[in-house]
Each structure stands twice: as C-alpha cells, then as structure tokens.
Amino acid sequence: MRSALEHFDKAFENRIRLQVMSILVANENYDFNSLKELLEVTDGNLASHLKALEKEEYIIIYKSFLGRKPNTSYAASEKGRAAFLKHLQSLENLIKQQKR
C-alpha cells in the first residue's frame, strides 16, 4: 500500500484546501469572494487555508483594483498543479488497490 500513497500530499488532507485546489486547477483563476461563496466558509477560515497553500507555493496571488475596490484572486502555480495531480493519482491508485 506504500506505493499507492507515494505522492499523497498532506497539504490536501483538509477538505477546504482540496476544494480550493480543485477549483484553481479547473479554472484559470478565482477571486477571494467567489471562493468564499462557493465553499461556504468564513473569511478567516478561507484565508488560513489559502495561506497554507501559499506557504507550499501551490498558489499564486494576484492583487488588483476593480474601480476603487481591492480584488484578490488566486491561481494554481505549476508546482501546485503538479502536486495536486500527483495527489489525485495517489488517491486513484489507493482506490484501485482496494478493489482487488
């Protein structure tokens, strides 16, 4: 079973971080408020999970202004995209091993 979890990434153990990366891998970028609304989490909760992904260098942060309002959006980095896809492959391998 060790080989099935070879690329299992603890950064994605949390449901919210897993969901954030799923959204960012499927989309070019996503802004903070849209992520918060879609995931139904608080500002602080989302911010802490985004900070954890940023620390791993799995996401890229873009800050801009829409009119006079600040807007923060996020994108998956190449490192984050690769780590996430390896994580998904590990989960698929684990499921395949359990079916045997």
N, C-alpha and C. Protein backbone atom coordinates (compact mmCIF):
# COMPACT_ATOMS: atom_id res chain seq x y z
N MET A 1 0.83 -1.19 0.00
CA MET A 1 0.00 0.00 0.00
C MET A 1 0.88 1.26 0.00
N ARG A 2 2.09 1.13 0.39
CA ARG A 2 3.00 2.28 0.43
C ARG A 2 3.12 2.95 -0.93
N SER A 3 3.23 2.18 -1.99
CA SER A 3 3.40 2.78 -3.31
C SER A 3 2.16 3.57 -3.75
N ALA A 4 0.98 3.16 -3.32
CA ALA A 4 -0.25 3.87 -3.69
C ALA A 4 -0.26 5.27 -3.10
N LEU A 5 0.36 5.44 -1.97
CA LEU A 5 0.35 6.74 -1.29
C LEU A 5 1.66 7.50 -1.44
N GLU A 6 2.47 7.08 -2.38
CA GLU A 6 3.78 7.67 -2.58
C GLU A 6 3.71 9.19 -2.78
N HIS A 7 2.74 9.67 -3.51
CA HIS A 7 2.63 11.12 -3.79
C HIS A 7 1.46 11.76 -3.05
N PHE A 8 0.98 11.08 -2.01
CA PHE A 8 -0.08 11.66 -1.18
C PHE A 8 0.48 12.91 -0.50
N ASP A 9 -0.21 14.03 -0.64
CA ASP A 9 0.29 15.31 -0.14
C ASP A 9 -0.56 15.77 1.05
N LYS A 10 0.07 15.90 2.20
CA LYS A 10 -0.64 16.30 3.41
C LYS A 10 -1.27 17.69 3.28
N ALA A 11 -0.78 18.51 2.37
CA ALA A 11 -1.36 19.84 2.16
C ALA A 11 -2.81 19.74 1.69
N PHE A 12 -3.17 18.62 1.09
CA PHE A 12 -4.52 18.45 0.57
C PHE A 12 -5.39 17.56 1.45
N GLU A 13 -4.94 17.26 2.65
CA GLU A 13 -5.74 16.45 3.57
C GLU A 13 -7.01 17.16 4.00
N ASN A 14 -6.93 18.47 4.10
CA ASN A 14 -8.08 19.24 4.52
C ASN A 14 -9.06 19.43 3.37
N ARG A 15 -10.33 19.27 3.65
CA ARG A 15 -11.38 19.37 2.64
C ARG A 15 -11.36 20.72 1.92
N ILE A 16 -11.16 21.79 2.65
CA ILE A 16 -11.20 23.12 2.04
C ILE A 16 -10.02 23.32 1.10
N ARG A 17 -8.82 22.91 1.51
CA ARG A 17 -7.65 23.06 0.63
C ARG A 17 -7.80 22.17 -0.61
N LEU A 18 -8.38 21.00 -0.44
CA LEU A 18 -8.63 20.11 -1.58
C LEU A 18 -9.62 20.77 -2.54
N GLN A 19 -10.66 21.38 -2.00
CA GLN A 19 -11.65 22.05 -2.84
C GLN A 19 -11.05 23.28 -3.53
N VAL A 20 -10.26 24.06 -2.80
CA VAL A 20 -9.63 25.25 -3.40
C VAL A 20 -8.77 24.83 -4.58
N MET A 21 -7.94 23.81 -4.39
CA MET A 21 -7.07 23.38 -5.48
C MET A 21 -7.87 22.81 -6.65
N SER A 22 -8.95 22.11 -6.36
CA SER A 22 -9.81 21.60 -7.43
C SER A 22 -10.35 22.74 -8.28
N ILE A 23 -10.78 23.80 -7.61
CA ILE A 23 -11.32 24.97 -8.32
C ILE A 23 -10.22 25.65 -9.13
N LEU A 24 -9.05 25.83 -8.53
CA LEU A 24 -7.98 26.55 -9.20
C LEU A 24 -7.36 25.76 -10.35
N VAL A 25 -7.35 24.44 -10.25
CA VAL A 25 -6.83 23.62 -11.34
C VAL A 25 -7.82 23.62 -12.51
N ALA A 26 -9.11 23.68 -12.19
CA ALA A 26 -10.14 23.66 -13.23
C ALA A 26 -10.38 25.04 -13.87
N ASN A 27 -9.94 26.09 -13.21
CA ASN A 27 -10.17 27.46 -13.69
C ASN A 27 -8.84 28.20 -13.77
N GLU A 28 -8.78 29.19 -14.64
CA GLU A 28 -7.55 29.97 -14.78
C GLU A 28 -7.22 30.71 -13.48
N ASN A 29 -8.23 31.33 -12.87
CA ASN A 29 -8.07 31.98 -11.57
C ASN A 29 -9.45 32.14 -10.94
N TYR A 30 -9.44 32.50 -9.66
CA TYR A 30 -10.70 32.66 -8.92
C TYR A 30 -10.46 33.72 -7.86
N ASP A 31 -11.42 34.61 -7.66
CA ASP A 31 -11.22 35.66 -6.65
C ASP A 31 -11.69 35.19 -5.28
N PHE A 32 -11.21 35.89 -4.25
CA PHE A 32 -11.45 35.51 -2.87
C PHE A 32 -12.94 35.39 -2.55
N ASN A 33 -13.72 36.41 -2.89
CA ASN A 33 -15.14 36.39 -2.55
C ASN A 33 -15.90 35.26 -3.24
N SER A 34 -15.53 34.96 -4.47
CA SER A 34 -16.19 33.86 -5.19
C SER A 34 -15.83 32.53 -4.56
N LEU A 35 -14.57 32.36 -4.16
CA LEU A 35 -14.17 31.13 -3.46
C LEU A 35 -14.95 30.99 -2.15
N LYS A 36 -15.00 32.07 -1.41
CA LYS A 36 -15.70 32.06 -0.11
C LYS A 36 -17.16 31.67 -0.27
N GLU A 37 -17.80 32.26 -1.27
CA GLU A 37 -19.22 31.97 -1.51
C GLU A 37 -19.42 30.52 -1.98
N LEU A 38 -18.61 30.08 -2.90
CA LEU A 38 -18.74 28.73 -3.44
C LEU A 38 -18.50 27.67 -2.36
N LEU A 39 -17.48 27.88 -1.52
CA LEU A 39 -17.12 26.90 -0.50
C LEU A 39 -17.92 27.06 0.79
N GLU A 40 -18.65 28.17 0.90
CA GLU A 40 -19.46 28.45 2.09
C GLU A 40 -18.62 28.43 3.36
N VAL A 41 -17.54 29.22 3.36
CA VAL A 41 -16.66 29.33 4.51
C VAL A 41 -16.52 30.80 4.91
N THR A 42 -15.99 31.03 6.09
CA THR A 42 -15.79 32.40 6.55
C THR A 42 -14.52 32.99 5.94
N ASP A 43 -14.40 34.30 6.01
CA ASP A 43 -13.19 34.97 5.52
C ASP A 43 -11.94 34.41 6.17
N GLY A 44 -11.96 34.31 7.50
CA GLY A 44 -10.79 33.85 8.23
C GLY A 44 -10.43 32.42 7.93
N ASN A 45 -11.44 31.57 7.81
CA ASN A 45 -11.20 30.16 7.50
C ASN A 45 -10.56 30.02 6.13
N LEU A 46 -11.12 30.68 5.14
CA LEU A 46 -10.57 30.62 3.79
C LEU A 46 -9.17 31.20 3.75
N ALA A 47 -8.98 32.33 4.41
CA ALA A 47 -7.67 32.99 4.42
C ALA A 47 -6.59 32.08 5.00
N SER A 48 -6.91 31.36 6.06
CA SER A 48 -5.91 30.48 6.67
C SER A 48 -5.55 29.32 5.75
N HIS A 49 -6.51 28.79 5.03
CA HIS A 49 -6.23 27.69 4.10
C HIS A 49 -5.46 28.18 2.87
N LEU A 50 -5.80 29.37 2.41
CA LEU A 50 -5.05 29.95 1.29
C LEU A 50 -3.60 30.23 1.70
N LYS A 51 -3.41 30.68 2.92
CA LYS A 51 -2.07 30.95 3.43
C LYS A 51 -1.25 29.65 3.47
N ALA A 52 -1.88 28.54 3.87
CA ALA A 52 -1.18 27.25 3.90
C ALA A 52 -0.77 26.82 2.50
N LEU A 53 -1.64 27.03 1.52
CA LEU A 53 -1.31 26.69 0.14
C LEU A 53 -0.24 27.63 -0.42
N GLU A 54 -0.29 28.89 -0.01
CA GLU A 54 0.72 29.85 -0.44
C GLU A 54 2.09 29.47 0.14
N LYS A 55 2.11 29.04 1.39
CA LYS A 55 3.37 28.65 2.03
C LYS A 55 4.03 27.50 1.28
N GLU A 56 3.23 26.60 0.75
CA GLU A 56 3.74 25.46 -0.04
C GLU A 56 4.10 25.87 -1.47
N GLU A 57 3.80 27.12 -1.82
CA GLU A 57 3.99 27.66 -3.17
C GLU A 57 3.11 26.94 -4.19
N TYR A 58 1.91 26.56 -3.76
CA TYR A 58 0.96 25.85 -4.62
C TYR A 58 0.01 26.80 -5.31
N ILE A 59 -0.06 28.04 -4.84
CA ILE A 59 -0.95 29.03 -5.46
C ILE A 59 -0.18 30.32 -5.72
N ILE A 60 -0.70 31.09 -6.67
CA ILE A 60 -0.18 32.42 -6.99
C ILE A 60 -1.27 33.42 -6.65
N ILE A 61 -0.88 34.51 -6.00
CA ILE A 61 -1.83 35.53 -5.58
C ILE A 61 -1.69 36.76 -6.47
N TYR A 62 -2.82 37.25 -6.95
CA TYR A 62 -2.86 38.47 -7.76
C TYR A 62 -3.71 39.51 -7.04
N LYS A 63 -3.15 40.68 -6.83
CA LYS A 63 -3.89 41.76 -6.20
C LYS A 63 -4.08 42.88 -7.22
N SER A 64 -5.31 43.35 -7.30
CA SER A 64 -5.63 44.41 -8.26
C SER A 64 -6.77 45.25 -7.69
N PHE A 65 -7.21 46.20 -8.48
CA PHE A 65 -8.35 47.03 -8.10
C PHE A 65 -9.41 46.91 -9.18
N LEU A 66 -10.64 46.78 -8.75
CA LEU A 66 -11.79 46.86 -9.65
C LEU A 66 -12.47 48.19 -9.31
N GLY A 67 -12.20 49.16 -10.13
CA GLY A 67 -12.62 50.51 -9.77
C GLY A 67 -11.75 50.95 -8.61
N ARG A 68 -12.38 51.26 -7.49
CA ARG A 68 -11.63 51.65 -6.29
C ARG A 68 -11.55 50.53 -5.26
N LYS A 69 -12.13 49.39 -5.58
CA LYS A 69 -12.17 48.30 -4.61
C LYS A 69 -11.02 47.32 -4.87
N PRO A 70 -10.31 46.94 -3.80
CA PRO A 70 -9.25 45.95 -3.97
C PRO A 70 -9.85 44.58 -4.30
N ASN A 71 -9.15 43.83 -5.13
CA ASN A 71 -9.60 42.49 -5.52
C ASN A 71 -8.39 41.55 -5.48
N THR A 72 -8.56 40.45 -4.77
CA THR A 72 -7.50 39.44 -4.69
C THR A 72 -7.99 38.18 -5.39
N SER A 73 -7.19 37.70 -6.32
CA SER A 73 -7.54 36.45 -6.99
C SER A 73 -6.37 35.49 -6.88
N TYR A 74 -6.65 34.23 -7.13
CA TYR A 74 -5.69 33.16 -6.94
C TYR A 74 -5.66 32.26 -8.16
N ALA A 75 -4.50 31.68 -8.41
CA ALA A 75 -4.33 30.71 -9.49
C ALA A 75 -3.42 29.60 -8.97
N ALA A 76 -3.57 28.43 -9.54
CA ALA A 76 -2.68 27.32 -9.18
C ALA A 76 -1.33 27.56 -9.84
N SER A 77 -0.26 27.41 -9.08
CA SER A 77 1.08 27.51 -9.65
C SER A 77 1.39 26.20 -10.37
N GLU A 78 2.42 26.18 -11.18
CA GLU A 78 2.82 24.93 -11.85
C GLU A 78 3.17 23.87 -10.80
N LYS A 79 3.86 24.29 -9.76
CA LYS A 79 4.22 23.36 -8.67
C LYS A 79 2.96 22.82 -8.01
N GLY A 80 1.99 23.70 -7.75
CA GLY A 80 0.74 23.29 -7.12
C GLY A 80 -0.08 22.37 -8.00
N ARG A 81 -0.14 22.70 -9.28
CA ARG A 81 -0.87 21.87 -10.24
C ARG A 81 -0.27 20.46 -10.30
N ALA A 82 1.06 20.39 -10.37
CA ALA A 82 1.74 19.08 -10.44
C ALA A 82 1.51 18.29 -9.15
N ALA A 83 1.63 18.95 -8.00
CA ALA A 83 1.44 18.27 -6.71
C ALA A 83 0.00 17.77 -6.58
N PHE A 84 -0.96 18.59 -7.02
CA PHE A 84 -2.37 18.21 -6.93
C PHE A 84 -2.67 17.01 -7.82
N LEU A 85 -2.16 17.02 -9.04
CA LEU A 85 -2.40 15.90 -9.95
C LEU A 85 -1.75 14.62 -9.44
N LYS A 86 -0.56 14.72 -8.84
CA LYS A 86 0.08 13.55 -8.24
C LYS A 86 -0.74 13.04 -7.05
N HIS A 87 -1.29 13.97 -6.28
CA HIS A 87 -2.14 13.60 -5.14
C HIS A 87 -3.38 12.84 -5.62
N LEU A 88 -4.01 13.35 -6.66
CA LEU A 88 -5.19 12.68 -7.22
C LEU A 88 -4.84 11.29 -7.73
N GLN A 89 -3.68 11.17 -8.38
CA GLN A 89 -3.24 9.87 -8.88
C GLN A 89 -3.02 8.89 -7.73
N SER A 90 -2.48 9.39 -6.63
CA SER A 90 -2.28 8.55 -5.45
C SER A 90 -3.61 8.04 -4.91
N LEU A 91 -4.59 8.92 -4.87
CA LEU A 91 -5.92 8.52 -4.40
C LEU A 91 -6.53 7.48 -5.33
N GLU A 92 -6.38 7.69 -6.64
CA GLU A 92 -6.89 6.71 -7.60
C GLU A 92 -6.19 5.36 -7.44
N ASN A 93 -4.88 5.38 -7.23
CA ASN A 93 -4.13 4.14 -7.03
C ASN A 93 -4.59 3.42 -5.78
N LEU A 94 -4.85 4.16 -4.73
CA LEU A 94 -5.33 3.58 -3.49
C LEU A 94 -6.69 2.91 -3.70
N ILE A 95 -7.57 3.56 -4.41
CA ILE A 95 -8.89 3.00 -4.69
C ILE A 95 -8.76 1.73 -5.52
N LYS A 96 -7.90 1.75 -6.53
CA LYS A 96 -7.69 0.58 -7.37
C LYS A 96 -7.17 -0.59 -6.55
N GLN A 97 -6.25 -0.33 -5.61
CA GLN A 97 -5.70 -1.39 -4.78
C GLN A 97 -6.77 -1.98 -3.87
N GLN A 98 -7.68 -1.15 -3.41
CA GLN A 98 -8.74 -1.62 -2.50
C GLN A 98 -9.75 -2.50 -3.23
N LYS A 99 -9.89 -2.31 -4.53
CA LYS A 99 -10.86 -3.10 -5.32
C LYS A 99 -10.39 -4.52 -5.58
N ARG A 100 -9.10 -4.77 -5.44
CA ARG A 100 -8.55 -6.09 -5.72
C ARG A 100 -8.96 -7.11 -4.71
